[in-house]
Amino acid sequence: ALPFAWVIRDQWGAAGLAIAAMIAFMVGWWAAATVARASAVEDPGAVVIDEVAAQWLVLLAAPPAPLPYALAFVLFRTFDIWKPWPVQWADRHVKGGLGIMLDDLFAAVYAMISLLVLLALGGVSGVRS
């Protein structure tokens, strides 16, 4: 997801990445629902577009440099695995394609906020102001 985000942002800017993330979310909602229904599995492991869409959202807050992108990835994965409220609530209570996508969206919000705070406090080296 990160290399594709890098290319999208390089070619079309942050707006292009935001649009790509929204498209990935909408397509992912439909695709996740379709795969979940067809496989009779509530959250199929083969569906990863939820992580892609959410990671792209987090990367909107990251300056286009390797260290901030790596930190954005680690922060997103941390919140996606930890599942603080409302991530865990969405994971358990929202069903279907929306549920598959929504918990990752909430984790992305936590990651974005954390990244923005770290950037504001100067806690990310390798970023020119």
N, C-alpha and C. Protein backbone atom coordinates (compact mmCIF):
# COMPACT_ATOMS: atom_id res chain seq x y z
N ALA A 1 0.82 -1.20 0.00
CA ALA A 1 0.00 0.00 0.00
C ALA A 1 0.86 1.27 0.00
N LEU A 2 1.99 1.22 0.72
CA LEU A 2 2.82 2.42 0.84
C LEU A 2 3.44 2.86 -0.48
N PRO A 3 4.02 1.95 -1.26
CA PRO A 3 4.59 2.40 -2.54
C PRO A 3 3.55 2.99 -3.48
N PHE A 4 2.36 2.38 -3.51
CA PHE A 4 1.30 2.91 -4.37
C PHE A 4 0.88 4.31 -3.90
N ALA A 5 0.78 4.49 -2.58
CA ALA A 5 0.43 5.80 -2.04
C ALA A 5 1.49 6.83 -2.41
N TRP A 6 2.75 6.43 -2.35
CA TRP A 6 3.85 7.33 -2.68
C TRP A 6 3.72 7.81 -4.13
N VAL A 7 3.46 6.87 -5.04
CA VAL A 7 3.33 7.21 -6.46
C VAL A 7 2.11 8.08 -6.70
N ILE A 8 0.98 7.71 -6.10
CA ILE A 8 -0.24 8.50 -6.27
C ILE A 8 -0.01 9.93 -5.79
N ARG A 9 0.58 10.07 -4.62
CA ARG A 9 0.81 11.41 -4.06
C ARG A 9 1.82 12.19 -4.90
N ASP A 10 2.84 11.51 -5.40
CA ASP A 10 3.85 12.16 -6.23
C ASP A 10 3.24 12.68 -7.53
N GLN A 11 2.35 11.91 -8.12
CA GLN A 11 1.76 12.27 -9.41
C GLN A 11 0.58 13.24 -9.28
N TRP A 12 -0.26 13.06 -8.23
CA TRP A 12 -1.50 13.82 -8.14
C TRP A 12 -1.68 14.57 -6.84
N GLY A 13 -0.65 14.58 -5.99
CA GLY A 13 -0.70 15.34 -4.74
C GLY A 13 -1.57 14.69 -3.68
N ALA A 14 -1.71 15.41 -2.57
CA ALA A 14 -2.50 14.91 -1.45
C ALA A 14 -3.96 14.74 -1.84
N ALA A 15 -4.47 15.62 -2.69
CA ALA A 15 -5.86 15.49 -3.13
C ALA A 15 -6.06 14.19 -3.89
N GLY A 16 -5.10 13.84 -4.73
CA GLY A 16 -5.18 12.57 -5.46
C GLY A 16 -5.18 11.38 -4.53
N LEU A 17 -4.34 11.44 -3.48
CA LEU A 17 -4.30 10.35 -2.51
C LEU A 17 -5.60 10.27 -1.72
N ALA A 18 -6.17 11.42 -1.37
CA ALA A 18 -7.45 11.43 -0.66
C ALA A 18 -8.55 10.83 -1.52
N ILE A 19 -8.58 11.19 -2.78
CA ILE A 19 -9.58 10.63 -3.70
C ILE A 19 -9.37 9.13 -3.85
N ALA A 20 -8.12 8.70 -4.00
CA ALA A 20 -7.82 7.27 -4.12
C ALA A 20 -8.27 6.52 -2.87
N ALA A 21 -8.05 7.10 -1.69
CA ALA A 21 -8.47 6.46 -0.44
C ALA A 21 -9.99 6.34 -0.37
N MET A 22 -10.69 7.39 -0.79
CA MET A 22 -12.16 7.34 -0.79
C MET A 22 -12.68 6.29 -1.77
N ILE A 23 -12.08 6.23 -2.94
CA ILE A 23 -12.48 5.22 -3.92
C ILE A 23 -12.19 3.83 -3.37
N ALA A 24 -11.02 3.64 -2.78
CA ALA A 24 -10.67 2.34 -2.20
C ALA A 24 -11.66 1.96 -1.10
N PHE A 25 -12.07 2.95 -0.29
CA PHE A 25 -13.04 2.66 0.77
C PHE A 25 -14.38 2.22 0.19
N MET A 26 -14.87 2.94 -0.80
CA MET A 26 -16.18 2.60 -1.40
C MET A 26 -16.13 1.25 -2.12
N VAL A 27 -15.09 1.03 -2.92
CA VAL A 27 -14.93 -0.25 -3.61
C VAL A 27 -14.73 -1.36 -2.58
N GLY A 28 -13.96 -1.07 -1.53
CA GLY A 28 -13.71 -2.05 -0.49
C GLY A 28 -14.97 -2.44 0.25
N TRP A 29 -15.83 -1.48 0.52
CA TRP A 29 -17.10 -1.76 1.20
C TRP A 29 -17.89 -2.78 0.38
N TRP A 30 -18.02 -2.52 -0.92
CA TRP A 30 -18.74 -3.44 -1.80
C TRP A 30 -18.02 -4.79 -1.90
N ALA A 31 -16.70 -4.77 -2.13
CA ALA A 31 -15.95 -6.01 -2.31
C ALA A 31 -15.94 -6.85 -1.04
N ALA A 32 -15.75 -6.21 0.10
CA ALA A 32 -15.73 -6.95 1.37
C ALA A 32 -17.08 -7.61 1.63
N ALA A 33 -18.16 -6.88 1.35
CA ALA A 33 -19.49 -7.45 1.53
C ALA A 33 -19.70 -8.64 0.60
N THR A 34 -19.26 -8.50 -0.63
CA THR A 34 -19.42 -9.57 -1.62
C THR A 34 -18.64 -10.81 -1.22
N VAL A 35 -17.38 -10.64 -0.83
CA VAL A 35 -16.54 -11.78 -0.44
C VAL A 35 -17.05 -12.41 0.85
N ALA A 36 -17.45 -11.60 1.81
CA ALA A 36 -17.96 -12.13 3.08
C ALA A 36 -19.22 -12.96 2.84
N ARG A 37 -20.11 -12.45 2.01
CA ARG A 37 -21.35 -13.17 1.70
C ARG A 37 -21.05 -14.47 0.97
N ALA A 38 -20.20 -14.42 -0.03
CA ALA A 38 -19.90 -15.60 -0.85
C ALA A 38 -19.14 -16.67 -0.06
N SER A 39 -18.30 -16.25 0.88
CA SER A 39 -17.49 -17.21 1.63
C SER A 39 -18.14 -17.62 2.95
N ALA A 40 -19.21 -16.93 3.33
CA ALA A 40 -19.88 -17.17 4.61
C ALA A 40 -18.91 -16.96 5.79
N VAL A 41 -17.93 -16.08 5.59
CA VAL A 41 -16.98 -15.71 6.64
C VAL A 41 -17.21 -14.24 6.96
N GLU A 42 -17.35 -13.93 8.25
CA GLU A 42 -17.70 -12.57 8.66
C GLU A 42 -16.66 -11.52 8.25
N ASP A 43 -15.39 -11.83 8.42
CA ASP A 43 -14.30 -10.91 8.06
C ASP A 43 -13.20 -11.72 7.38
N PRO A 44 -13.36 -11.99 6.08
CA PRO A 44 -12.40 -12.85 5.38
C PRO A 44 -10.99 -12.27 5.39
N GLY A 45 -10.02 -13.11 5.74
CA GLY A 45 -8.63 -12.68 5.79
C GLY A 45 -8.08 -12.28 4.44
N ALA A 46 -8.69 -12.79 3.37
CA ALA A 46 -8.23 -12.46 2.02
C ALA A 46 -8.55 -11.02 1.64
N VAL A 47 -9.48 -10.41 2.36
CA VAL A 47 -9.86 -9.02 2.07
C VAL A 47 -8.87 -8.10 2.77
N VAL A 48 -8.07 -7.38 2.00
CA VAL A 48 -7.08 -6.46 2.58
C VAL A 48 -7.29 -5.02 2.11
N ILE A 49 -8.30 -4.80 1.29
CA ILE A 49 -8.53 -3.43 0.80
C ILE A 49 -8.90 -2.50 1.95
N ASP A 50 -9.43 -3.06 3.05
CA ASP A 50 -9.73 -2.23 4.21
C ASP A 50 -8.46 -1.62 4.79
N GLU A 51 -7.39 -2.43 4.87
CA GLU A 51 -6.12 -1.91 5.35
C GLU A 51 -5.51 -0.91 4.37
N VAL A 52 -5.66 -1.17 3.09
CA VAL A 52 -5.10 -0.27 2.07
C VAL A 52 -5.77 1.10 2.16
N ALA A 53 -7.10 1.12 2.16
CA ALA A 53 -7.83 2.39 2.21
C ALA A 53 -7.48 3.17 3.48
N ALA A 54 -7.45 2.47 4.60
CA ALA A 54 -7.16 3.14 5.87
C ALA A 54 -5.72 3.64 5.92
N GLN A 55 -4.79 2.83 5.43
CA GLN A 55 -3.38 3.25 5.43
C GLN A 55 -3.19 4.48 4.57
N TRP A 56 -3.86 4.53 3.44
CA TRP A 56 -3.76 5.71 2.57
C TRP A 56 -4.28 6.95 3.29
N LEU A 57 -5.33 6.80 4.09
CA LEU A 57 -5.83 7.95 4.85
C LEU A 57 -4.78 8.44 5.84
N VAL A 58 -4.14 7.51 6.54
CA VAL A 58 -3.10 7.90 7.50
C VAL A 58 -1.96 8.62 6.78
N LEU A 59 -1.61 8.15 5.61
CA LEU A 59 -0.49 8.74 4.87
C LEU A 59 -0.78 10.17 4.42
N LEU A 60 -2.04 10.56 4.41
CA LEU A 60 -2.37 11.96 4.10
C LEU A 60 -1.77 12.90 5.14
N ALA A 61 -1.60 12.42 6.37
CA ALA A 61 -1.04 13.25 7.43
C ALA A 61 0.48 13.22 7.45
N ALA A 62 1.08 12.32 6.67
CA ALA A 62 2.53 12.14 6.69
C ALA A 62 3.20 12.95 5.58
N PRO A 63 4.25 13.68 5.91
CA PRO A 63 5.03 14.30 4.84
C PRO A 63 5.60 13.19 3.95
N PRO A 64 5.71 13.44 2.66
CA PRO A 64 6.21 12.39 1.76
C PRO A 64 7.71 12.16 1.93
N ALA A 65 8.05 11.42 2.94
CA ALA A 65 9.44 11.06 3.23
C ALA A 65 9.42 9.66 3.86
N PRO A 66 10.48 8.89 3.70
CA PRO A 66 10.46 7.51 4.18
C PRO A 66 10.15 7.34 5.67
N LEU A 67 10.76 8.12 6.55
CA LEU A 67 10.53 7.94 7.98
C LEU A 67 9.08 8.23 8.39
N PRO A 68 8.49 9.35 7.97
CA PRO A 68 7.08 9.56 8.32
C PRO A 68 6.15 8.49 7.74
N TYR A 69 6.45 8.01 6.54
CA TYR A 69 5.62 6.94 5.96
C TYR A 69 5.75 5.67 6.79
N ALA A 70 6.96 5.34 7.21
CA ALA A 70 7.16 4.15 8.04
C ALA A 70 6.45 4.31 9.38
N LEU A 71 6.55 5.49 9.97
CA LEU A 71 5.88 5.74 11.24
C LEU A 71 4.36 5.67 11.08
N ALA A 72 3.84 6.20 9.99
CA ALA A 72 2.40 6.11 9.72
C ALA A 72 1.96 4.65 9.64
N PHE A 73 2.77 3.83 8.99
CA PHE A 73 2.46 2.40 8.88
C PHE A 73 2.43 1.75 10.27
N VAL A 74 3.46 1.99 11.07
CA VAL A 74 3.55 1.38 12.40
C VAL A 74 2.40 1.85 13.29
N LEU A 75 2.09 3.13 13.25
CA LEU A 75 0.99 3.65 14.07
C LEU A 75 -0.34 3.03 13.65
N PHE A 76 -0.59 2.95 12.35
CA PHE A 76 -1.85 2.35 11.91
C PHE A 76 -1.94 0.89 12.34
N ARG A 77 -0.88 0.12 12.12
CA ARG A 77 -0.91 -1.30 12.50
C ARG A 77 -1.10 -1.45 14.01
N THR A 78 -0.48 -0.57 14.79
CA THR A 78 -0.62 -0.62 16.25
C THR A 78 -2.08 -0.46 16.66
N PHE A 79 -2.74 0.57 16.14
CA PHE A 79 -4.13 0.81 16.51
C PHE A 79 -5.07 -0.24 15.91
N ASP A 80 -4.73 -0.76 14.74
CA ASP A 80 -5.54 -1.81 14.12
C ASP A 80 -5.48 -3.10 14.93
N ILE A 81 -4.33 -3.41 15.49
CA ILE A 81 -4.18 -4.63 16.30
C ILE A 81 -4.71 -4.41 17.72
N TRP A 82 -4.39 -3.27 18.32
CA TRP A 82 -4.79 -2.96 19.69
C TRP A 82 -6.32 -2.82 19.80
N LYS A 83 -6.91 -2.18 18.83
CA LYS A 83 -8.35 -1.95 18.73
C LYS A 83 -8.95 -1.21 19.94
N PRO A 84 -8.47 0.01 20.23
CA PRO A 84 -9.13 0.79 21.28
C PRO A 84 -10.53 1.20 20.81
N TRP A 85 -11.37 1.65 21.77
CA TRP A 85 -12.71 2.11 21.38
C TRP A 85 -12.56 3.32 20.46
N PRO A 86 -13.31 3.45 19.40
CA PRO A 86 -14.41 2.65 18.89
C PRO A 86 -13.98 1.60 17.86
N VAL A 87 -12.68 1.37 17.71
CA VAL A 87 -12.21 0.39 16.73
C VAL A 87 -12.79 -0.98 17.06
N GLN A 88 -12.64 -1.39 18.33
CA GLN A 88 -13.14 -2.70 18.75
C GLN A 88 -14.66 -2.77 18.64
N TRP A 89 -15.34 -1.69 18.99
CA TRP A 89 -16.80 -1.67 18.88
C TRP A 89 -17.23 -1.91 17.44
N ALA A 90 -16.63 -1.21 16.50
CA ALA A 90 -16.97 -1.38 15.08
C ALA A 90 -16.66 -2.79 14.62
N ASP A 91 -15.53 -3.33 15.07
CA ASP A 91 -15.12 -4.68 14.68
C ASP A 91 -16.13 -5.72 15.15
N ARG A 92 -16.73 -5.50 16.31
CA ARG A 92 -17.65 -6.49 16.90
C ARG A 92 -19.12 -6.26 16.55
N HIS A 93 -19.51 -5.01 16.34
CA HIS A 93 -20.93 -4.72 16.22
C HIS A 93 -21.42 -4.30 14.84
N VAL A 94 -20.55 -3.82 13.99
CA VAL A 94 -20.99 -3.40 12.65
C VAL A 94 -20.68 -4.55 11.70
N LYS A 95 -21.71 -5.07 11.10
CA LYS A 95 -21.57 -6.28 10.27
C LYS A 95 -21.45 -5.92 8.79
N GLY A 96 -21.09 -6.93 8.02
CA GLY A 96 -21.03 -6.80 6.56
C GLY A 96 -19.83 -6.01 6.09
N GLY A 97 -19.92 -5.55 4.87
CA GLY A 97 -18.81 -4.83 4.25
C GLY A 97 -18.44 -3.56 5.00
N LEU A 98 -19.45 -2.84 5.50
CA LEU A 98 -19.16 -1.62 6.24
C LEU A 98 -18.37 -1.93 7.51
N GLY A 99 -18.75 -2.98 8.21
CA GLY A 99 -18.04 -3.36 9.43
C GLY A 99 -16.59 -3.73 9.16
N ILE A 100 -16.36 -4.43 8.05
CA ILE A 100 -15.00 -4.83 7.68
C ILE A 100 -14.15 -3.59 7.44
N MET A 101 -14.74 -2.57 6.83
CA MET A 101 -14.01 -1.35 6.49
C MET A 101 -13.91 -0.37 7.67
N LEU A 102 -14.97 -0.30 8.49
CA LEU A 102 -15.08 0.77 9.48
C LEU A 102 -14.07 0.67 10.61
N ASP A 103 -13.78 -0.54 11.09
CA ASP A 103 -12.82 -0.63 12.19
C ASP A 103 -11.45 -0.11 11.76
N ASP A 104 -11.08 -0.37 10.50
CA ASP A 104 -9.80 0.14 10.00
C ASP A 104 -9.83 1.66 9.83
N LEU A 105 -10.98 2.19 9.45
CA LEU A 105 -11.11 3.64 9.33
C LEU A 105 -10.92 4.31 10.69
N PHE A 106 -11.53 3.74 11.73
CA PHE A 106 -11.35 4.29 13.08
C PHE A 106 -9.90 4.18 13.54
N ALA A 107 -9.25 3.05 13.25
CA ALA A 107 -7.83 2.89 13.60
C ALA A 107 -6.99 3.93 12.86
N ALA A 108 -7.37 4.23 11.63
CA ALA A 108 -6.65 5.24 10.84
C ALA A 108 -6.77 6.62 11.49
N VAL A 109 -7.93 6.94 12.03
CA VAL A 109 -8.11 8.24 12.69
C VAL A 109 -7.17 8.36 13.89
N TYR A 110 -7.10 7.31 14.72
CA TYR A 110 -6.16 7.31 15.84
C TYR A 110 -4.73 7.49 15.36
N ALA A 111 -4.36 6.77 14.31
CA ALA A 111 -2.99 6.84 13.78
C ALA A 111 -2.69 8.23 13.23
N MET A 112 -3.66 8.83 12.53
CA MET A 112 -3.46 10.17 11.98
C MET A 112 -3.24 11.19 13.10
N ILE A 113 -4.09 11.12 14.12
CA ILE A 113 -3.96 12.06 15.24
C ILE A 113 -2.60 11.89 15.92
N SER A 114 -2.22 10.65 16.16
CA SER A 114 -0.92 10.38 16.80
C SER A 114 0.23 10.90 15.95
N LEU A 115 0.16 10.66 14.65
CA LEU A 115 1.22 11.13 13.76
C LEU A 115 1.29 12.66 13.74
N LEU A 116 0.14 13.31 13.66
CA LEU A 116 0.13 14.77 13.64
C LEU A 116 0.69 15.35 14.94
N VAL A 117 0.37 14.73 16.07
CA VAL A 117 0.92 15.19 17.35
C VAL A 117 2.44 15.03 17.36
N LEU A 118 2.92 13.86 16.93
CA LEU A 118 4.37 13.64 16.89
C LEU A 118 5.07 14.64 15.96
N LEU A 119 4.46 14.90 14.82
CA LEU A 119 5.05 15.86 13.88
C LEU A 119 5.06 17.27 14.49
N ALA A 120 3.96 17.65 15.15
CA ALA A 120 3.87 18.98 15.75
C ALA A 120 4.88 19.16 16.88
N LEU A 121 5.15 18.09 17.60
CA LEU A 121 6.10 18.16 18.71
C LEU A 121 7.55 18.00 18.25
N GLY A 122 7.72 17.77 16.94
CA GLY A 122 9.07 17.60 16.41
C GLY A 122 9.65 16.23 16.70
N GLY A 123 8.78 15.27 16.95
CA GLY A 123 9.24 13.93 17.32
C GLY A 123 9.55 13.01 16.17
N VAL A 124 9.60 13.54 14.96
CA VAL A 124 9.92 12.71 13.80
C VAL A 124 11.10 13.35 13.09
N SER A 125 12.25 12.70 13.17
CA SER A 125 13.43 13.24 12.49
C SER A 125 13.37 12.88 11.01
N GLY A 126 14.19 13.54 10.24
CA GLY A 126 14.22 13.26 8.81
C GLY A 126 13.17 14.01 8.03
N VAL A 127 12.48 14.94 8.68
CA VAL A 127 11.44 15.73 8.02
C VAL A 127 11.89 17.18 8.01
N ARG A 128 12.00 17.74 6.82
CA ARG A 128 12.36 19.16 6.70
C ARG A 128 11.10 20.00 6.84
N SER A 129 11.22 21.11 7.54
CA SER A 129 10.06 21.99 7.67
C SER A 129 10.07 23.07 6.63
